[in-house]
């Protein structure tokens, strides 16, 4: 059975009704696909840090993470956000298992840039745990908290985390946010983009801020997996059922023609 990795962003975590709708759609997708959910939780982190009178800054979409903030960020993402999603998944009739990137050594982390503090990057590790869970019709719900080989916890960009989980499972990947996909200068949806088009849109300032990280992560996944990656919205979850009918549900980020396979399933 094919595997689908779905990544959801931070704003999704604060929209319970829409989150529940997506989880109900995932239950339908599970009839034909193995599904893994990867999540961020930026707004929850920001609220917690503000309540603790801690400042929070981002550079190119990546949150600077001082060591003293890491316990709170891990608690917000791997704790509160993860378990709230698990609770909603139970309500939707799913069998969730809440995880972090460090569990089962599924991903191996390292510090991305010392100037960013505990911001981490991960590479694919051991897929055994995830394969065991999805083969038993469970829904892994994975937070973007990782660890390096010394056990130091790391704050990983959720887009990059989802990309590596897709690599780990040789899976299809859908990145969901609060926009329907990548928009052009007139705010119209672009149905498909390749690397050259993405570079041009970044140069033109059309793709900027956090969306740069998102499309570059999607392009990295597309190139490494040899298949298109979808950027779409969680606000219209039922549209994702079109994935089962091989219909476009957002913006397809396409790999170069030299990749193994140039078309999304």
Protein backbone atom coordinates (compact mmCIF):
# COMPACT_ATOMS: atom_id res chain seq x y z
CA UNK A 1 0.00 0.00 0.00
CA UNK A 2 1.32 3.46 -0.92
CA UNK A 3 2.18 5.88 1.87
CA UNK A 4 1.13 9.53 2.12
CA UNK A 5 2.87 12.02 4.43
CA UNK A 6 0.73 15.05 5.32
CA UNK A 7 2.37 18.09 6.90
CA UNK A 8 0.27 20.69 8.72
CA UNK A 9 1.40 24.12 9.89
CA UNK A 10 1.03 26.02 13.12
CA UNK A 11 -2.19 27.94 12.42
CA UNK A 12 -3.92 24.59 11.82
CA UNK A 13 -3.31 23.69 15.46
CA UNK A 14 -5.63 26.49 16.60
CA UNK A 15 -8.55 25.65 14.32
CA UNK A 16 -10.12 22.61 15.98
CA UNK A 17 -13.15 22.28 13.70
CA UNK A 18 -11.04 22.36 10.55
CA UNK A 19 -8.46 20.08 12.14
CA UNK A 20 -11.17 17.58 12.96
CA UNK A 21 -12.44 17.78 9.38
CA UNK A 22 -8.95 17.00 8.06
CA UNK A 23 -8.59 14.06 10.42
CA UNK A 24 -11.94 12.69 9.24
CA UNK A 25 -10.64 12.97 5.67
CA UNK A 26 -7.47 11.12 6.74
CA UNK A 27 -9.69 8.31 8.04
CA UNK A 28 -11.14 8.01 4.52
CA UNK A 29 -7.70 8.19 2.93
CA UNK A 30 -6.56 5.31 5.15
CA UNK A 31 -8.91 3.01 3.27
CA UNK A 32 -6.50 3.11 0.33
CA UNK A 33 -3.28 4.63 1.72
CA UNK A 34 -0.98 4.45 4.71
CA UNK A 35 -0.96 7.96 6.21
CA UNK A 36 1.56 9.76 8.44
CA UNK A 37 0.89 13.24 9.87
CA UNK A 38 3.74 15.67 10.63
CA UNK A 39 3.01 18.95 12.41
CA UNK A 40 4.53 22.22 13.51
CA UNK A 41 3.00 24.61 16.02
CA UNK A 42 4.56 28.05 15.68
CA UNK A 43 1.65 30.07 17.15
CA UNK A 44 1.56 27.85 20.26
CA UNK A 45 5.29 28.35 20.73
CA UNK A 46 4.95 32.11 20.33
CA UNK A 47 2.10 32.30 22.85
CA UNK A 48 4.00 30.28 25.43
CA UNK A 49 7.23 32.26 25.03
CA UNK A 50 5.31 35.53 25.27
CA UNK A 51 3.59 34.34 28.45
CA UNK A 52 7.05 33.58 29.87
CA UNK A 53 8.30 37.04 28.78
CA UNK A 54 10.76 35.43 26.36
CA UNK A 55 11.48 37.02 23.00
CA UNK A 56 11.19 35.05 19.77
CA UNK A 57 12.75 35.89 16.41
CA UNK A 58 12.87 34.23 12.99
CA UNK A 59 15.53 34.30 10.29
CA UNK A 60 14.39 33.18 6.80
CA UNK A 61 11.42 31.39 8.36
CA UNK A 62 13.52 29.54 10.98
CA UNK A 63 12.94 30.32 14.65
CA UNK A 64 16.11 31.22 16.59
CA UNK A 65 16.12 28.77 19.49
CA UNK A 66 18.35 29.59 22.49
CA UNK A 67 19.14 26.60 24.69
CA UNK A 68 17.17 28.07 27.60
CA UNK A 69 14.01 28.14 25.43
CA UNK A 70 14.31 24.58 24.15
CA UNK A 71 12.44 22.88 27.05
CA UNK A 72 9.43 25.16 26.51
CA UNK A 73 9.46 24.77 22.73
CA UNK A 74 9.71 20.97 23.09
CA UNK A 75 6.83 21.04 25.57
CA UNK A 76 4.64 23.12 23.26
CA UNK A 77 5.31 21.04 20.13
CA UNK A 78 5.95 17.47 21.30
CA UNK A 79 3.61 17.90 24.28
CA UNK A 80 0.61 20.21 23.98
CA UNK A 81 0.30 20.43 20.20
CA UNK A 82 0.98 16.75 19.62
CA UNK A 83 -1.45 15.50 22.24
CA UNK A 84 -4.20 17.90 21.19
CA UNK A 85 -3.92 16.46 17.69
CA UNK A 86 -3.99 12.93 19.09
CA UNK A 87 -7.15 13.81 21.01
CA UNK A 88 -8.84 15.15 17.89
CA UNK A 89 -7.72 12.06 15.96
CA UNK A 90 -9.40 9.84 18.55
CA UNK A 91 -12.58 11.93 18.18
CA UNK A 92 -12.38 11.38 14.39
CA UNK A 93 -12.29 7.60 14.94
CA UNK A 94 -8.56 7.18 14.24
CA UNK A 95 -5.93 5.25 16.19
CA UNK A 96 -3.18 7.87 16.71
CA UNK A 97 0.32 7.43 18.09
CA UNK A 98 2.03 10.68 19.12
CA UNK A 99 5.75 10.79 18.29
CA UNK A 100 8.73 13.08 17.82
CA UNK A 101 11.42 12.83 15.14
CA UNK A 102 13.72 11.23 17.71
CA UNK A 103 11.48 8.24 18.46
CA UNK A 104 12.61 4.92 17.06
CA UNK A 105 15.66 6.73 15.64
CA UNK A 106 13.48 7.57 12.64
CA UNK A 107 15.52 10.75 12.07
CA UNK A 108 19.07 11.71 13.05
CA UNK A 109 19.49 15.37 13.94
CA UNK A 110 22.32 17.90 13.97
CA UNK A 111 22.61 21.62 14.72
CA UNK A 112 21.84 23.51 11.51
CA UNK A 113 23.75 26.69 12.36
CA UNK A 114 25.21 27.53 15.79
CA UNK A 115 24.06 31.14 15.34
CA UNK A 116 20.45 29.89 15.34
CA UNK A 117 20.90 27.99 18.64
CA UNK A 118 19.04 24.69 18.91
CA UNK A 119 17.60 24.85 15.40
CA UNK A 120 18.19 21.42 13.91
CA UNK A 121 18.39 19.63 10.60
CA UNK A 122 17.54 15.95 10.24
CA UNK A 123 18.32 13.09 7.88
CA UNK A 124 16.41 9.85 7.43
CA UNK A 125 17.20 7.15 9.95
CA UNK A 126 15.34 3.92 10.72
CA UNK A 127 11.85 3.48 9.19
CA UNK A 128 11.02 0.32 11.19
CA UNK A 129 8.80 1.98 13.84
CA UNK A 130 6.70 3.94 11.33
CA UNK A 131 6.28 0.96 9.03
CA UNK A 132 5.11 -1.13 11.99
CA UNK A 133 2.53 1.48 13.01
CA UNK A 134 1.04 2.17 9.56
CA UNK A 135 0.90 -1.55 8.76
CA UNK A 136 -1.35 -1.90 11.80
CA UNK A 137 -3.65 0.93 10.62
CA UNK A 138 -2.41 3.39 13.23
CA UNK A 139 -1.86 7.09 12.48
CA UNK A 140 1.62 8.32 13.47
CA UNK A 141 1.38 12.01 14.47
CA UNK A 142 4.92 13.37 14.51
CA UNK A 143 6.07 16.65 16.08
CA UNK A 144 9.05 18.50 14.63
CA UNK A 145 11.25 18.02 17.71
CA UNK A 146 14.38 15.99 16.95
CA UNK A 147 17.59 15.00 18.70
CA UNK A 148 21.25 14.69 17.78
CA UNK A 149 23.32 11.55 18.53
CA UNK A 150 24.30 13.08 21.92
CA UNK A 151 20.63 13.33 22.89
CA UNK A 152 20.44 17.13 22.59
CA UNK A 153 16.90 18.17 21.67
CA UNK A 154 16.52 20.24 18.50
CA UNK A 155 13.81 22.45 17.01
CA UNK A 156 13.40 21.29 13.39
CA UNK A 157 11.51 23.19 10.71
CA UNK A 158 8.33 21.17 10.20
CA UNK A 159 8.53 21.39 6.40
CA UNK A 160 12.01 19.89 6.45
CA UNK A 161 10.88 17.28 8.98
CA UNK A 162 8.02 16.18 6.73
CA UNK A 163 10.36 16.05 3.74
CA UNK A 164 12.70 13.67 5.55
CA UNK A 165 9.82 11.48 6.77
CA UNK A 166 8.67 11.20 3.14
CA UNK A 167 12.21 10.26 2.14
CA UNK A 168 12.34 7.71 4.95
CA UNK A 169 9.16 5.99 3.74
CA UNK A 170 9.55 6.69 -0.01
CA UNK A 171 6.15 8.35 0.31
CA UNK A 172 4.01 10.93 -1.43
CA UNK A 173 4.08 14.30 0.36
CA UNK A 174 1.41 16.97 0.80
CA UNK A 175 2.34 20.17 2.66
CA UNK A 176 -0.76 21.91 4.01
CA UNK A 177 -0.97 25.54 5.14
CA UNK A 178 -3.64 28.24 5.38
CA UNK A 179 -3.27 29.16 1.69
CA UNK A 180 -4.48 27.02 -1.24
CA UNK A 181 -0.99 26.68 -2.68
CA UNK A 182 1.67 28.94 -4.17
CA UNK A 183 0.15 32.18 -5.44
CA UNK A 184 1.40 34.42 -8.25
CA UNK A 185 1.76 38.20 -8.07
CA UNK A 186 -2.00 38.58 -8.58
CA UNK A 187 -2.77 36.13 -5.75
CA UNK A 188 -3.90 33.49 -8.25
CA UNK A 189 -3.10 29.82 -7.62
CA UNK A 190 -0.21 28.37 -9.62
CA UNK A 191 -1.04 24.77 -10.56
CA UNK A 192 2.55 23.59 -11.09
CA UNK A 193 6.09 24.88 -10.56
CA UNK A 194 9.59 23.59 -11.18
CA UNK A 195 12.91 24.71 -9.71
CA UNK A 196 13.62 27.38 -12.32
CA UNK A 197 10.18 28.94 -11.91
CA UNK A 198 10.53 28.90 -8.12
CA UNK A 199 13.92 30.66 -8.32
CA UNK A 200 12.44 33.35 -10.55
CA UNK A 201 9.45 33.91 -8.22
CA UNK A 202 11.80 34.23 -5.24
CA UNK A 203 13.97 36.72 -7.16
CA UNK A 204 10.84 38.69 -8.05
CA UNK A 205 9.73 38.77 -4.40
CA UNK A 206 6.52 36.87 -5.15
CA UNK A 207 7.58 33.90 -2.99
CA UNK A 208 9.00 35.23 0.29
CA UNK A 209 9.42 34.69 4.04
CA UNK A 210 8.19 31.31 5.31
CA UNK A 211 6.92 30.29 1.87
CA UNK A 212 10.54 30.25 0.63
CA UNK A 213 11.37 27.52 3.15
CA UNK A 214 8.15 25.69 2.20
CA UNK A 215 8.72 25.60 -1.57
CA UNK A 216 12.43 24.82 -1.19
CA UNK A 217 11.60 21.94 1.16
CA UNK A 218 8.98 20.71 -1.32
CA UNK A 219 11.48 20.98 -4.18
CA UNK A 220 14.10 19.08 -2.15
CA UNK A 221 11.56 16.33 -1.54
CA UNK A 222 10.48 16.29 -5.18
CA UNK A 223 14.10 15.97 -6.36
CA UNK A 224 15.03 13.27 -3.85
CA UNK A 225 11.81 11.27 -4.27
CA UNK A 226 11.59 11.71 -8.01
CA UNK A 227 7.93 12.67 -7.82
CA UNK A 228 5.89 15.83 -7.49
CA UNK A 229 5.08 17.21 -4.04
CA UNK A 230 1.84 19.08 -3.35
CA UNK A 231 1.40 22.35 -1.46
CA UNK A 232 -2.28 22.83 -0.56
CA UNK A 233 -4.65 24.14 2.11
CA UNK A 234 -6.05 22.45 5.21
CA UNK A 235 -9.01 24.83 5.08
CA UNK A 236 -10.68 22.71 2.37
CA UNK A 237 -9.82 19.25 3.65
CA UNK A 238 -12.40 17.37 1.59
CA UNK A 239 -10.58 18.47 -1.58
CA UNK A 240 -7.76 16.16 -0.51
CA UNK A 241 -9.96 13.20 -1.37
CA UNK A 242 -9.17 14.14 -4.97
CA UNK A 243 -5.72 12.73 -4.26
CA UNK A 244 -7.28 9.26 -4.46
CA UNK A 245 -8.55 10.11 -7.94
CA UNK A 246 -5.17 11.51 -9.05
CA UNK A 247 -6.62 15.04 -9.19
CA UNK A 248 -4.59 18.17 -8.47
CA UNK A 249 -5.45 19.57 -5.04
CA UNK A 250 -3.05 22.55 -4.87
CA UNK A 251 0.32 23.49 -6.40
CA UNK A 252 2.46 20.63 -7.67
CA UNK A 253 6.18 21.19 -7.10
CA UNK A 254 7.86 19.16 -9.84
CA UNK A 255 11.32 17.59 -9.85
CA UNK A 256 13.78 18.05 -12.67
CA UNK A 257 13.23 15.74 -15.70
CA UNK A 258 16.36 13.78 -14.75
CA UNK A 259 14.69 12.52 -11.53
CA UNK A 260 13.52 8.93 -11.33
CA UNK A 261 9.90 9.75 -11.92
CA UNK A 262 8.39 13.08 -12.93
CA UNK A 263 4.77 12.59 -12.02
CA UNK A 264 2.94 12.42 -8.70
CA UNK A 265 0.75 9.44 -8.12
